[in-house]
């Protein structure tokens, strides 16, 4: 085993280091996108809850969905580079020396990556909170415009049914 490590050429080691640097950058960007998503959604959802504005909550949910897609993009690219790293490590002859093109690496589909536990749970909770604030805001705004006509639960149900149907 010791001679196996010694037989790895300096070019191959440099290639592996270059790929690892890309993987580290992608992981860092994915973490930054999650922190920005949490910061932006907290601000918008806090304002929406305070002012009972469903449309601010809707904008917040759209931004969270955009950050969700961005995180999935980074995770997918990271997995592609990890696959390239493994191919270089295993001395796959199909990989050219210093090749950094990982676009053709086979990884999970976009759907699987979007719904992966690392992304699905994190962003799913944020979207759920935004949807809850949106529904409460819709119900409260409908109550304010239709005060004292029918019980509030029925008013809320009717407003939501008109919104979605």
C-alpha atoms as a PDB file:
ATOM      1  CA  UNK A   1       0.000   0.000   0.000  1.00  0.00           C
ATOM      2  CA  UNK A   2       2.881   2.381   0.721  1.00  0.00           C
ATOM      3  CA  UNK A   3       4.231   1.991  -2.810  1.00  0.00           C
ATOM      4  CA  UNK A   4       0.746   2.661  -4.168  1.00  0.00           C
ATOM      5  CA  UNK A   5       0.781   6.111  -2.542  1.00  0.00           C
ATOM      6  CA  UNK A   6       4.284   6.767  -3.751  1.00  0.00           C
ATOM      7  CA  UNK A   7       3.351   5.865  -7.312  1.00  0.00           C
ATOM      8  CA  UNK A   8       0.851   8.720  -7.511  1.00  0.00           C
ATOM      9  CA  UNK A   9       2.534  11.291  -9.675  1.00  0.00           C
ATOM     10  CA  UNK A  10       2.907  14.924  -8.726  1.00  0.00           C
ATOM     11  CA  UNK A  11       0.698  15.898 -11.670  1.00  0.00           C
ATOM     12  CA  UNK A  12      -2.115  13.694 -10.386  1.00  0.00           C
ATOM     13  CA  UNK A  13      -1.744  15.133  -6.869  1.00  0.00           C
ATOM     14  CA  UNK A  14      -1.883  18.677  -8.273  1.00  0.00           C
ATOM     15  CA  UNK A  15      -4.968  17.747 -10.293  1.00  0.00           C
ATOM     16  CA  UNK A  16      -6.666  16.328  -7.192  1.00  0.00           C
ATOM     17  CA  UNK A  17      -5.793  19.487  -5.244  1.00  0.00           C
ATOM     18  CA  UNK A  18      -7.326  21.669  -7.959  1.00  0.00           C
ATOM     19  CA  UNK A  19     -10.544  19.652  -7.935  1.00  0.00           C
ATOM     20  CA  UNK A  20     -10.644  19.710  -4.129  1.00  0.00           C
ATOM     21  CA  UNK A  21     -10.316  23.509  -4.180  1.00  0.00           C
ATOM     22  CA  UNK A  22     -13.365  23.747  -6.451  1.00  0.00           C
ATOM     23  CA  UNK A  23     -15.315  21.404  -4.171  1.00  0.00           C
ATOM     24  CA  UNK A  24     -14.414  23.538  -1.148  1.00  0.00           C
ATOM     25  CA  UNK A  25     -15.535  26.732  -2.921  1.00  0.00           C
ATOM     26  CA  UNK A  26     -18.837  25.153  -3.951  1.00  0.00           C
ATOM     27  CA  UNK A  27     -19.484  23.944  -0.396  1.00  0.00           C
ATOM     28  CA  UNK A  28     -18.725  27.432   0.920  1.00  0.00           C
ATOM     29  CA  UNK A  29     -21.092  29.050  -1.583  1.00  0.00           C
ATOM     30  CA  UNK A  30     -23.837  26.581  -0.668  1.00  0.00           C
ATOM     31  CA  UNK A  31     -23.447  27.478   3.005  1.00  0.00           C
ATOM     32  CA  UNK A  32     -23.538  31.186   2.161  1.00  0.00           C
ATOM     33  CA  UNK A  33     -26.719  30.772   0.132  1.00  0.00           C
ATOM     34  CA  UNK A  34     -28.372  29.000   3.068  1.00  0.00           C
ATOM     35  CA  UNK A  35     -27.364  31.769   5.468  1.00  0.00           C
ATOM     36  CA  UNK A  36     -28.626  34.449   3.079  1.00  0.00           C
ATOM     37  CA  UNK A  37     -31.893  32.566   2.600  1.00  0.00           C
ATOM     38  CA  UNK A  38     -32.412  32.394   6.341  1.00  0.00           C
ATOM     39  CA  UNK A  39     -31.539  36.066   6.825  1.00  0.00           C
ATOM     40  CA  UNK A  40     -33.712  37.377   3.999  1.00  0.00           C
ATOM     41  CA  UNK A  41     -36.661  35.140   4.849  1.00  0.00           C
ATOM     42  CA  UNK A  42     -36.489  36.047   8.534  1.00  0.00           C
ATOM     43  CA  UNK A  43     -36.582  39.744   7.703  1.00  0.00           C
ATOM     44  CA  UNK A  44     -39.409  39.463   5.187  1.00  0.00           C
ATOM     45  CA  UNK A  45     -41.467  36.994   7.204  1.00  0.00           C
ATOM     46  CA  UNK A  46     -40.986  39.083  10.340  1.00  0.00           C
ATOM     47  CA  UNK A  47     -42.227  42.166   8.547  1.00  0.00           C
ATOM     48  CA  UNK A  48     -45.105  40.207   6.984  1.00  0.00           C
ATOM     49  CA  UNK A  49     -46.157  38.811  10.365  1.00  0.00           C
ATOM     50  CA  UNK A  50     -45.946  42.219  12.028  1.00  0.00           C
ATOM     51  CA  UNK A  51     -47.933  44.012   9.329  1.00  0.00           C
ATOM     52  CA  UNK A  52     -50.086  40.972   8.431  1.00  0.00           C
ATOM     53  CA  UNK A  53     -49.168  41.475   4.794  1.00  0.00           C
ATOM     54  CA  UNK A  54     -49.575  38.228   2.851  1.00  0.00           C
ATOM     55  CA  UNK A  55     -47.886  39.650  -0.227  1.00  0.00           C
ATOM     56  CA  UNK A  56     -44.648  40.365   1.628  1.00  0.00           C
ATOM     57  CA  UNK A  57     -44.746  36.736   2.782  1.00  0.00           C
ATOM     58  CA  UNK A  58     -45.294  35.665  -0.834  1.00  0.00           C
ATOM     59  CA  UNK A  59     -42.245  37.650  -1.960  1.00  0.00           C
ATOM     60  CA  UNK A  60     -40.286  36.031   0.868  1.00  0.00           C
ATOM     61  CA  UNK A  61     -41.358  32.567  -0.277  1.00  0.00           C
ATOM     62  CA  UNK A  62     -40.341  33.345  -3.862  1.00  0.00           C
ATOM     63  CA  UNK A  63     -36.907  34.419  -2.657  1.00  0.00           C
ATOM     64  CA  UNK A  64     -36.603  31.273  -0.538  1.00  0.00           C
ATOM     65  CA  UNK A  65     -37.474  29.160  -3.579  1.00  0.00           C
ATOM     66  CA  UNK A  66     -34.787  30.985  -5.577  1.00  0.00           C
ATOM     67  CA  UNK A  67     -32.217  30.322  -2.831  1.00  0.00           C
ATOM     68  CA  UNK A  68     -33.395  26.690  -2.695  1.00  0.00           C
ATOM     69  CA  UNK A  69     -32.672  26.310  -6.402  1.00  0.00           C
ATOM     70  CA  UNK A  70     -29.296  28.037  -5.986  1.00  0.00           C
ATOM     71  CA  UNK A  71     -28.324  25.689  -3.150  1.00  0.00           C
ATOM     72  CA  UNK A  72     -29.386  22.706  -5.268  1.00  0.00           C
ATOM     73  CA  UNK A  73     -27.231  24.005  -8.104  1.00  0.00           C
ATOM     74  CA  UNK A  74     -24.197  24.224  -5.808  1.00  0.00           C
ATOM     75  CA  UNK A  75     -24.877  20.793  -4.308  1.00  0.00           C
ATOM     76  CA  UNK A  76     -25.254  19.207  -7.739  1.00  0.00           C
ATOM     77  CA  UNK A  77     -22.052  20.842  -9.001  1.00  0.00           C
ATOM     78  CA  UNK A  78     -20.244  19.720  -5.848  1.00  0.00           C
ATOM     79  CA  UNK A  79     -21.383  16.144  -6.420  1.00  0.00           C
ATOM     80  CA  UNK A  80     -20.224  16.318 -10.028  1.00  0.00           C
ATOM     81  CA  UNK A  81     -16.774  17.453  -8.939  1.00  0.00           C
ATOM     82  CA  UNK A  82     -16.647  14.753  -6.286  1.00  0.00           C
ATOM     83  CA  UNK A  83     -17.365  12.226  -9.020  1.00  0.00           C
ATOM     84  CA  UNK A  84     -14.578  13.701 -11.139  1.00  0.00           C
ATOM     85  CA  UNK A  85     -12.289  13.602  -8.090  1.00  0.00           C
ATOM     86  CA  UNK A  86     -13.014   9.885  -7.629  1.00  0.00           C
ATOM     87  CA  UNK A  87     -12.348   9.171 -11.294  1.00  0.00           C
ATOM     88  CA  UNK A  88      -8.992  10.967 -11.137  1.00  0.00           C
ATOM     89  CA  UNK A  89      -8.144   9.236  -7.867  1.00  0.00           C
ATOM     90  CA  UNK A  90      -8.914   5.823  -9.384  1.00  0.00           C
ATOM     91  CA  UNK A  91      -6.803   6.695 -12.443  1.00  0.00           C
ATOM     92  CA  UNK A  92      -9.597   6.577 -14.980  1.00  0.00           C
ATOM     93  CA  UNK A  93      -7.913   6.816 -18.369  1.00  0.00           C
ATOM     94  CA  UNK A  94     -10.897   8.672 -19.852  1.00  0.00           C
ATOM     95  CA  UNK A  95     -10.092  11.743 -17.740  1.00  0.00           C
ATOM     96  CA  UNK A  96      -7.519  13.995 -19.332  1.00  0.00           C
ATOM     97  CA  UNK A  97      -4.754  15.371 -17.158  1.00  0.00           C
ATOM     98  CA  UNK A  98      -5.815  18.611 -15.455  1.00  0.00           C
ATOM     99  CA  UNK A  99      -9.325  18.315 -16.863  1.00  0.00           C
ATOM    100  CA  UNK A 100     -11.721  20.406 -14.766  1.00  0.00           C
ATOM    101  CA  UNK A 101     -14.883  19.781 -16.799  1.00  0.00           C
ATOM    102  CA  UNK A 102     -17.336  17.956 -14.552  1.00  0.00           C
ATOM    103  CA  UNK A 103     -20.490  18.685 -16.571  1.00  0.00           C
ATOM    104  CA  UNK A 104     -20.689  15.144 -17.930  1.00  0.00           C
ATOM    105  CA  UNK A 105     -20.351  13.447 -14.555  1.00  0.00           C
ATOM    106  CA  UNK A 106     -23.452  11.444 -13.671  1.00  0.00           C
ATOM    107  CA  UNK A 107     -25.121  12.470 -10.427  1.00  0.00           C
ATOM    108  CA  UNK A 108     -28.639  12.406  -9.024  1.00  0.00           C
ATOM    109  CA  UNK A 109     -31.437  14.217 -10.838  1.00  0.00           C
ATOM    110  CA  UNK A 110     -32.424  17.788 -10.013  1.00  0.00           C
ATOM    111  CA  UNK A 111     -35.576  16.519  -8.278  1.00  0.00           C
ATOM    112  CA  UNK A 112     -33.605  14.222  -5.982  1.00  0.00           C
ATOM    113  CA  UNK A 113     -31.143  16.962  -5.159  1.00  0.00           C
ATOM    114  CA  UNK A 114     -33.894  19.531  -4.468  1.00  0.00           C
ATOM    115  CA  UNK A 115     -35.624  17.060  -2.155  1.00  0.00           C
ATOM    116  CA  UNK A 116     -32.450  15.768  -0.513  1.00  0.00           C
ATOM    117  CA  UNK A 117     -32.529  15.831   3.292  1.00  0.00           C
ATOM    118  CA  UNK A 118     -29.936  18.608   3.520  1.00  0.00           C
ATOM    119  CA  UNK A 119     -31.993  20.942   1.349  1.00  0.00           C
ATOM    120  CA  UNK A 120     -35.554  19.651   1.648  1.00  0.00           C
ATOM    121  CA  UNK A 121     -35.792  19.887   5.418  1.00  0.00           C
ATOM    122  CA  UNK A 122     -34.019  23.246   5.692  1.00  0.00           C
ATOM    123  CA  UNK A 123     -35.922  25.037   2.938  1.00  0.00           C
ATOM    124  CA  UNK A 124     -39.151  23.095   3.484  1.00  0.00           C
ATOM    125  CA  UNK A 125     -39.440  24.460   7.024  1.00  0.00           C
ATOM    126  CA  UNK A 126     -38.805  28.005   5.824  1.00  0.00           C
ATOM    127  CA  UNK A 127     -41.401  27.705   3.036  1.00  0.00           C
ATOM    128  CA  UNK A 128     -43.895  26.212   5.501  1.00  0.00           C
ATOM    129  CA  UNK A 129     -43.441  29.166   7.855  1.00  0.00           C
ATOM    130  CA  UNK A 130     -43.872  31.565   4.942  1.00  0.00           C
ATOM    131  CA  UNK A 131     -47.005  29.770   3.756  1.00  0.00           C
ATOM    132  CA  UNK A 132     -48.447  29.893   7.272  1.00  0.00           C
ATOM    133  CA  UNK A 133     -47.822  33.649   7.509  1.00  0.00           C
ATOM    134  CA  UNK A 134     -49.301  34.078   4.027  1.00  0.00           C
ATOM    135  CA  UNK A 135     -52.509  32.219   4.935  1.00  0.00           C
ATOM    136  CA  UNK A 136     -52.885  34.082   8.232  1.00  0.00           C
ATOM    137  CA  UNK A 137     -52.338  37.376   6.419  1.00  0.00           C
ATOM    138  CA  UNK A 138     -54.964  36.504   3.800  1.00  0.00           C
ATOM    139  CA  UNK A 139     -57.461  35.539   6.492  1.00  0.00           C
ATOM    140  CA  UNK A 140     -56.825  38.673   8.537  1.00  0.00           C
ATOM    141  CA  UNK A 141     -57.019  40.992   5.534  1.00  0.00           C
ATOM    142  CA  UNK A 142     -60.285  39.359   4.480  1.00  0.00           C
ATOM    143  CA  UNK A 143     -61.664  39.732   7.993  1.00  0.00           C
ATOM    144  CA  UNK A 144     -60.814  43.432   7.970  1.00  0.00           C
ATOM    145  CA  UNK A 145     -62.714  44.021   4.729  1.00  0.00           C
ATOM    146  CA  UNK A 146     -65.716  41.829   5.552  1.00  0.00           C
ATOM    147  CA  UNK A 147     -66.110  42.493   9.272  1.00  0.00           C
ATOM    148  CA  UNK A 148     -69.215  41.213  11.063  1.00  0.00           C
ATOM    149  CA  UNK A 149     -70.873  39.574   8.057  1.00  0.00           C
ATOM    150  CA  UNK A 150     -70.203  35.888   8.780  1.00  0.00           C
ATOM    151  CA  UNK A 151     -68.062  34.014  11.300  1.00  0.00           C
ATOM    152  CA  UNK A 152     -64.343  34.430  10.730  1.00  0.00           C
ATOM    153  CA  UNK A 153     -63.618  30.744  10.036  1.00  0.00           C
ATOM    154  CA  UNK A 154     -66.105  30.671   7.187  1.00  0.00           C
ATOM    155  CA  UNK A 155     -64.775  33.976   5.836  1.00  0.00           C
ATOM    156  CA  UNK A 156     -61.245  32.661   5.872  1.00  0.00           C
ATOM    157  CA  UNK A 157     -62.255  29.442   4.147  1.00  0.00           C
ATOM    158  CA  UNK A 158     -64.152  31.302   1.450  1.00  0.00           C
ATOM    159  CA  UNK A 159     -61.304  33.709   0.810  1.00  0.00           C
ATOM    160  CA  UNK A 160     -58.816  30.852   0.500  1.00  0.00           C
ATOM    161  CA  UNK A 161     -61.122  28.893  -1.806  1.00  0.00           C
ATOM    162  CA  UNK A 162     -61.505  31.940  -4.057  1.00  0.00           C
ATOM    163  CA  UNK A 163     -57.746  32.396  -4.086  1.00  0.00           C
ATOM    164  CA  UNK A 164     -56.947  28.847  -5.164  1.00  0.00           C
ATOM    165  CA  UNK A 165     -60.026  27.796  -7.177  1.00  0.00           C
END
